[in-house]
Amino acid sequence: MWSRRSFLKHASCTIASMATLDAYSASAKTGPLGKPIGIQLYTVGADIAKDLPGTLKTLADIGYREVEFPGGPTRMPAPELRKLLTGLGLVCPSIHASMSELQANPREKIELARGLGARYVVCSFPWTADGRFQTARGNMAAEMTLDDWKWNAEQLNRIGELAKQAGIRLGYHNHNLEFRSYGGTVAFDQLLRWTDPKLVAIQLDIAWVATAGVDPLRYLRDPAGRVELLHVKEVRKDLQVMVDQVKAQTTELGRGLIDWPKLFAAMDPKQIRHYFVEQENFEGSPLDAVRVDFEYLHRLGKG
């Protein structure tokens, strides 16, 4: 539990962070929904590993204004990293952490988010109570049970409460394995039922929904409004639909199958707080690809 003093101190910092985010939102080169365009840094992970400041500057020069850090430790203290972002006109609304990482030390990830001025910690991948896929060779997508998904939902509620106490909101990011059906029961739909909306938001990864053969509009138009964050990710035209294997089949935005104008037209700008470009497959350099992604979204925002 956080003390009343630490909570109040963090609340004031959170208000300041929100003001900073809103200030950048007002001045950014925006995309659809009138929002600044963000990027999940996993997309340019190799460049980040070689030159973090230089890569962040390149992204800022392209026009990105929001970044989402993937799971794992950062290479510099959060205050120093936040200062670097601020100097480049960037903000970090969200960070990722896998369920296994959150099981190991949820408070560490929550504190990292606070240090970066983020509003969200997003669980990026599920896990199992017995950790059996860590030591045994197996296909997690094909072999997880509905009981495993129920355990994940319970953990999300528990960690979501911890995050809430610290002024942070927990999210859950889907892949395609969540859309596997168990006798007519879809795991993702059960996760929505089993998790508390007050504690757990959804970050909908559009490409993984499409990879599962599901229409993302089903969830974007959900009156419950669970989707607060997006991964704006394109799938190739030769997409193979699957739920039993996690296999990325991505390309630059506007060059694949997804009808982005239709999807964004269906979204409520008040519900979708942030969205982040993400791409996992490249024919050229990742930085060239994310430039194409940015320009596509910026043009879409103007249209």
Protein backbone atom coordinates (compact mmCIF):
# COMPACT_ATOMS: atom_id res chain seq x y z
CA MET A 1 0.00 0.00 0.00
CA TRP A 2 1.14 3.56 -0.65
CA SER A 3 0.98 6.01 2.24
CA ARG A 4 -1.40 8.97 2.12
CA ARG A 5 1.59 11.32 1.80
CA SER A 6 3.14 9.41 -1.12
CA PHE A 7 -0.23 9.13 -2.83
CA LEU A 8 -0.89 12.88 -2.55
CA LYS A 9 2.63 13.63 -3.76
CA HIS A 10 2.11 11.37 -6.74
CA ALA A 11 -1.32 12.83 -7.43
CA SER A 12 0.22 16.30 -7.81
CA CYS A 13 2.92 14.86 -10.11
CA THR A 14 0.25 13.09 -12.14
CA ILE A 15 -1.69 16.34 -12.60
CA ALA A 16 1.50 18.03 -13.78
CA SER A 17 2.20 15.13 -16.15
CA MET A 18 -1.31 15.34 -17.56
CA ALA A 19 -0.87 19.06 -18.16
CA THR A 20 2.37 18.35 -20.01
CA LEU A 21 0.72 15.65 -22.12
CA ASP A 22 -2.19 17.93 -22.94
CA ALA A 23 0.16 20.76 -23.89
CA TYR A 24 2.02 18.53 -26.32
CA SER A 25 -1.27 17.19 -27.66
CA ALA A 26 -2.35 20.73 -28.50
CA SER A 27 0.81 21.52 -30.48
CA ALA A 28 1.54 18.16 -32.11
CA LYS A 29 1.30 17.23 -35.78
CA THR A 30 -1.78 15.11 -35.34
CA GLY A 31 -3.36 12.09 -36.97
CA PRO A 32 -6.90 10.66 -36.86
CA LEU A 33 -9.13 11.62 -33.92
CA GLY A 34 -7.16 14.87 -33.66
CA LYS A 35 -4.56 13.18 -31.49
CA PRO A 36 -0.75 13.16 -31.59
CA ILE A 37 0.71 10.09 -33.24
CA GLY A 38 2.54 7.66 -30.96
CA ILE A 39 4.89 4.76 -31.56
CA GLN A 40 5.61 1.55 -29.67
CA LEU A 41 9.42 1.56 -29.44
CA TYR A 42 9.61 -2.20 -29.94
CA THR A 43 9.20 -1.31 -33.62
CA VAL A 44 12.65 0.31 -33.69
CA GLY A 45 14.18 -1.84 -30.98
CA ALA A 46 17.47 -2.50 -32.78
CA ASP A 47 18.00 1.22 -33.37
CA ILE A 48 17.10 2.00 -29.75
CA ALA A 49 19.67 -0.56 -28.56
CA LYS A 50 22.40 1.11 -30.61
CA ASP A 51 21.52 4.75 -29.97
CA LEU A 52 18.63 5.60 -27.70
CA PRO A 53 18.93 9.43 -27.79
CA GLY A 54 19.61 9.52 -31.52
CA THR A 55 16.70 7.22 -32.37
CA LEU A 56 14.30 9.18 -30.18
CA LYS A 57 15.41 12.38 -31.91
CA THR A 58 14.80 10.81 -35.33
CA LEU A 59 11.29 9.79 -34.26
CA ALA A 60 10.61 13.28 -32.95
CA ASP A 61 11.90 14.79 -36.21
CA ILE A 62 9.53 12.54 -38.18
CA GLY A 63 6.70 13.98 -36.11
CA TYR A 64 5.95 11.40 -33.45
CA ARG A 65 5.02 13.00 -30.14
CA GLU A 66 4.20 9.99 -27.96
CA VAL A 67 6.27 6.88 -27.25
CA GLU A 68 5.40 3.62 -25.54
CA PHE A 69 8.26 1.69 -24.00
CA PRO A 70 8.28 -2.12 -24.36
CA GLY A 71 8.87 -4.44 -21.43
CA GLY A 72 12.20 -4.81 -19.69
CA PRO A 73 14.40 -2.38 -17.77
CA THR A 74 15.40 0.97 -19.20
CA ARG A 75 19.08 1.79 -19.61
CA MET A 76 18.88 5.04 -17.69
CA PRO A 77 16.98 6.16 -14.58
CA ALA A 78 13.38 7.15 -15.24
CA PRO A 79 13.86 10.85 -14.32
CA GLU A 80 16.82 11.11 -16.71
CA LEU A 81 14.91 9.35 -19.46
CA ARG A 82 11.89 11.56 -18.90
CA LYS A 83 14.11 14.64 -19.16
CA LEU A 84 15.49 13.32 -22.46
CA LEU A 85 11.97 12.81 -23.79
CA THR A 86 10.85 16.26 -22.70
CA GLY A 87 13.82 17.87 -24.40
CA LEU A 88 12.79 16.24 -27.67
CA GLY A 89 9.13 17.21 -27.35
CA LEU A 90 8.12 13.63 -26.56
CA VAL A 91 5.97 12.18 -23.82
CA CYS A 92 5.43 8.62 -22.61
CA PRO A 93 1.77 7.90 -21.83
CA SER A 94 2.21 4.12 -21.50
CA ILE A 95 4.71 1.34 -20.86
CA HIS A 96 4.49 -2.40 -21.47
CA ALA A 97 5.27 -5.28 -19.12
CA SER A 98 4.46 -8.95 -19.63
CA MET A 99 2.39 -10.87 -17.11
CA SER A 100 5.49 -12.80 -16.05
CA GLU A 101 7.30 -9.50 -15.39
CA LEU A 102 4.30 -8.17 -13.47
CA GLN A 103 4.20 -11.33 -11.38
CA ALA A 104 7.86 -10.87 -10.47
CA ASN A 105 7.59 -7.24 -9.37
CA PRO A 106 4.42 -5.30 -10.19
CA ARG A 107 5.37 -2.31 -8.03
CA GLU A 108 8.63 -1.87 -9.93
CA LYS A 109 6.74 -1.46 -13.22
CA ILE A 110 4.20 0.83 -11.61
CA GLU A 111 6.99 2.99 -10.19
CA LEU A 112 8.72 3.08 -13.58
CA ALA A 113 5.51 4.35 -15.14
CA ARG A 114 5.21 7.00 -12.46
CA GLY A 115 8.80 8.07 -12.99
CA LEU A 116 8.24 8.46 -16.73
CA GLY A 117 5.01 10.38 -16.22
CA ALA A 118 2.98 7.61 -17.84
CA ARG A 119 -0.71 7.05 -17.23
CA TYR A 120 -0.78 3.37 -18.14
CA VAL A 121 1.06 0.11 -17.48
CA VAL A 122 -0.09 -2.36 -20.14
CA CYS A 123 0.21 -6.12 -19.71
CA SER A 124 1.71 -7.11 -23.05
CA PHE A 125 1.40 -10.91 -22.95
CA PRO A 126 -0.35 -13.50 -20.76
CA TRP A 127 1.23 -16.16 -18.57
CA THR A 128 0.23 -19.22 -16.56
CA ALA A 129 0.16 -19.87 -12.84
CA ASP A 130 2.56 -22.80 -13.13
CA GLY A 131 4.87 -21.14 -15.65
CA ARG A 132 4.93 -24.38 -17.59
CA PHE A 133 5.76 -22.76 -20.91
CA GLN A 134 8.96 -21.32 -19.47
CA THR A 135 10.62 -24.68 -19.00
CA ALA A 136 8.75 -27.00 -21.35
CA ARG A 137 8.64 -26.90 -25.10
CA GLY A 138 5.09 -26.13 -26.10
CA ASN A 139 2.85 -23.84 -28.06
CA MET A 140 1.34 -21.39 -25.59
CA ALA A 141 -1.21 -20.15 -28.14
CA ALA A 142 -2.53 -23.65 -28.78
CA GLU A 143 -2.19 -25.15 -25.31
CA MET A 144 -3.47 -22.52 -22.87
CA THR A 145 -6.70 -23.54 -21.16
CA LEU A 146 -9.71 -21.48 -20.21
CA ASP A 147 -8.61 -21.87 -16.59
CA ASP A 148 -5.29 -20.27 -17.56
CA TRP A 149 -7.19 -17.30 -18.97
CA LYS A 150 -9.26 -17.05 -15.78
CA TRP A 151 -6.03 -16.94 -13.76
CA ASN A 152 -4.76 -14.12 -15.99
CA ALA A 153 -7.99 -12.19 -15.42
CA GLU A 154 -7.63 -12.60 -11.65
CA GLN A 155 -4.06 -11.32 -11.81
CA LEU A 156 -5.10 -8.35 -13.92
CA ASN A 157 -7.71 -7.38 -11.34
CA ARG A 158 -5.20 -7.76 -8.51
CA ILE A 159 -2.45 -5.77 -10.22
CA GLY A 160 -4.99 -3.28 -11.51
CA GLU A 161 -5.91 -2.48 -7.91
CA LEU A 162 -2.24 -1.93 -7.03
CA ALA A 163 -1.85 0.36 -10.02
CA LYS A 164 -4.99 2.29 -9.14
CA GLN A 165 -3.64 2.96 -5.65
CA ALA A 166 -0.61 4.60 -7.28
CA GLY A 167 -2.66 6.69 -9.71
CA ILE A 168 -1.81 4.44 -12.67
CA ARG A 169 -4.24 2.55 -14.90
CA LEU A 170 -3.54 -1.04 -15.90
CA GLY A 171 -4.23 -2.15 -19.44
CA TYR A 172 -4.19 -5.42 -21.33
CA HIS A 173 -2.79 -5.80 -24.86
CA ASN A 174 -4.08 -8.64 -27.01
CA HIS A 175 -2.39 -10.86 -29.54
CA ASN A 176 -4.29 -13.37 -31.67
CA LEU A 177 -4.23 -16.25 -29.17
CA GLU A 178 -6.89 -14.51 -27.06
CA PHE A 179 -9.43 -15.18 -29.80
CA ARG A 180 -9.19 -18.94 -29.57
CA SER A 181 -12.57 -20.51 -28.89
CA TYR A 182 -13.18 -23.07 -26.15
CA GLY A 183 -16.40 -24.82 -27.04
CA GLY A 184 -17.87 -21.56 -28.31
CA THR A 185 -16.38 -19.42 -25.53
CA VAL A 186 -13.80 -16.94 -26.83
CA ALA A 187 -10.97 -16.30 -24.38
CA PHE A 188 -10.86 -12.54 -25.06
CA ASP A 189 -14.58 -12.16 -24.43
CA GLN A 190 -14.15 -14.00 -21.14
CA LEU A 191 -11.27 -11.73 -20.16
CA LEU A 192 -13.59 -8.76 -20.68
CA ARG A 193 -16.22 -10.40 -18.47
CA TRP A 194 -13.80 -11.49 -15.77
CA THR A 195 -11.87 -8.22 -15.45
CA ASP A 196 -13.18 -5.16 -13.65
CA PRO A 197 -13.58 -2.19 -16.03
CA LYS A 198 -12.59 0.12 -13.19
CA LEU A 199 -9.26 -1.67 -12.87
CA VAL A 200 -8.39 -2.94 -16.35
CA ALA A 201 -8.53 -1.09 -19.68
CA ILE A 202 -7.94 -2.68 -23.08
CA GLN A 203 -5.24 -1.81 -25.57
CA LEU A 204 -6.60 -3.27 -28.80
CA ASP A 205 -3.95 -4.39 -31.26
CA ILE A 206 -5.78 -4.11 -34.56
CA ALA A 207 -3.43 -6.36 -36.54
CA TRP A 208 -3.62 -9.25 -34.08
CA VAL A 209 -7.42 -9.04 -34.06
CA ALA A 210 -7.38 -9.21 -37.87
CA THR A 211 -4.89 -12.09 -37.75
CA ALA A 212 -7.41 -14.02 -35.68
CA GLY A 213 -10.02 -13.45 -38.40
CA VAL A 214 -12.10 -11.13 -36.22
CA ASP A 215 -13.52 -7.72 -37.19
CA PRO A 216 -12.00 -5.06 -34.86
CA LEU A 217 -15.22 -3.03 -35.16
CA ARG A 218 -16.86 -5.57 -32.86
CA TYR A 219 -14.77 -4.22 -29.99
CA LEU A 220 -14.34 -0.62 -31.11
CA ARG A 221 -18.13 -0.20 -31.15
CA ASP A 222 -18.64 -1.94 -27.81
CA PRO A 223 -20.86 0.40 -25.74
CA ALA A 224 -18.97 -0.68 -22.61
CA GLY A 225 -16.02 1.39 -23.86
CA ARG A 226 -13.29 -0.95 -22.64
CA VAL A 227 -10.84 -0.01 -25.42
CA GLU A 228 -8.84 3.04 -24.32
CA LEU A 229 -5.57 2.47 -26.20
CA LEU A 230 -4.71 1.14 -29.67
CA HIS A 231 -1.84 -0.43 -31.51
CA VAL A 232 -2.23 0.83 -35.05
CA LYS A 233 -0.66 -2.03 -36.95
CA GLU A 234 -1.22 -3.18 -40.55
CA VAL A 235 -1.46 -6.78 -41.82
CA ARG A 236 -0.15 -7.96 -45.18
CA LYS A 237 -2.50 -8.63 -48.07
CA ASP A 238 -1.49 -12.30 -48.06
CA LEU A 239 -2.47 -12.65 -44.38
CA GLN A 240 -2.88 -16.18 -43.02
CA VAL A 241 -5.65 -16.24 -40.41
CA MET A 242 -4.61 -18.10 -37.25
CA VAL A 243 -5.15 -18.30 -33.50
CA ASP A 244 -2.96 -21.31 -32.63
CA GLN A 245 0.35 -19.63 -33.46
CA VAL A 246 1.66 -16.15 -32.69
CA LYS A 247 3.18 -15.14 -36.01
CA ALA A 248 3.48 -11.48 -37.03
CA GLN A 249 2.44 -10.66 -40.62
CA THR A 250 2.77 -6.89 -40.75
CA THR A 251 3.57 -4.19 -43.26
CA GLU A 252 3.42 -0.39 -43.51
CA LEU A 253 0.08 1.31 -42.86
CA GLY A 254 -2.08 1.68 -45.94
CA ARG A 255 -0.30 -1.15 -47.79
CA GLY A 256 -2.29 -4.04 -46.38
CA LEU A 257 -5.82 -5.29 -45.76
CA ILE A 258 -7.17 -3.07 -42.99
CA ASP A 259 -9.68 -0.32 -43.81
CA TRP A 260 -8.24 2.35 -41.52
CA PRO A 261 -10.59 5.20 -42.53
CA LYS A 262 -13.57 2.98 -41.65
CA LEU A 263 -12.06 1.95 -38.31
CA PHE A 264 -11.15 5.46 -37.21
CA ALA A 265 -14.57 6.75 -38.28
CA ALA A 266 -16.12 4.26 -35.84
CA MET A 267 -14.01 5.40 -32.88
CA ASP A 268 -14.99 7.83 -30.14
CA PRO A 269 -12.15 10.36 -29.67
CA LYS A 270 -13.11 10.72 -26.02
CA GLN A 271 -12.79 6.98 -25.44
CA ILE A 272 -9.53 6.33 -27.32
CA ARG A 273 -6.93 8.11 -25.23
CA HIS A 274 -3.76 7.22 -27.16
CA TYR A 275 -2.67 5.14 -30.14
CA PHE A 276 0.74 3.83 -31.09
CA VAL A 277 2.14 2.71 -34.43
CA GLU A 278 3.71 -0.72 -34.25
CA GLN A 279 5.27 -2.87 -36.98
CA GLU A 280 7.14 -6.16 -36.70
CA ASN A 281 8.12 -7.14 -40.26
CA PHE A 282 10.24 -5.01 -42.59
CA GLU A 283 11.52 -5.17 -46.14
CA GLY A 284 13.76 -2.12 -45.59
CA SER A 285 14.86 -0.23 -42.49
CA PRO A 286 12.45 0.10 -39.54
CA LEU A 287 13.01 3.87 -39.41
CA ASP A 288 12.04 4.19 -43.08
CA ALA A 289 8.94 2.10 -42.39
CA VAL A 290 7.80 4.17 -39.42
CA ARG A 291 8.20 7.32 -41.51
CA VAL A 292 5.73 5.82 -44.01
CA ASP A 293 3.43 4.85 -41.12
CA PHE A 294 3.51 8.36 -39.69
CA GLU A 295 2.82 10.09 -43.00
CA TYR A 296 -0.11 7.77 -43.67
CA LEU A 297 -1.73 8.60 -40.33
CA HIS A 298 -1.05 12.31 -40.70
CA ARG A 299 -2.69 12.36 -44.14
CA LEU A 300 -5.61 10.35 -42.80
CA GLY A 301 -6.00 12.85 -39.98
CA LYS A 302 -6.17 15.75 -42.42
CA GLY A 303 -8.73 14.01 -44.62
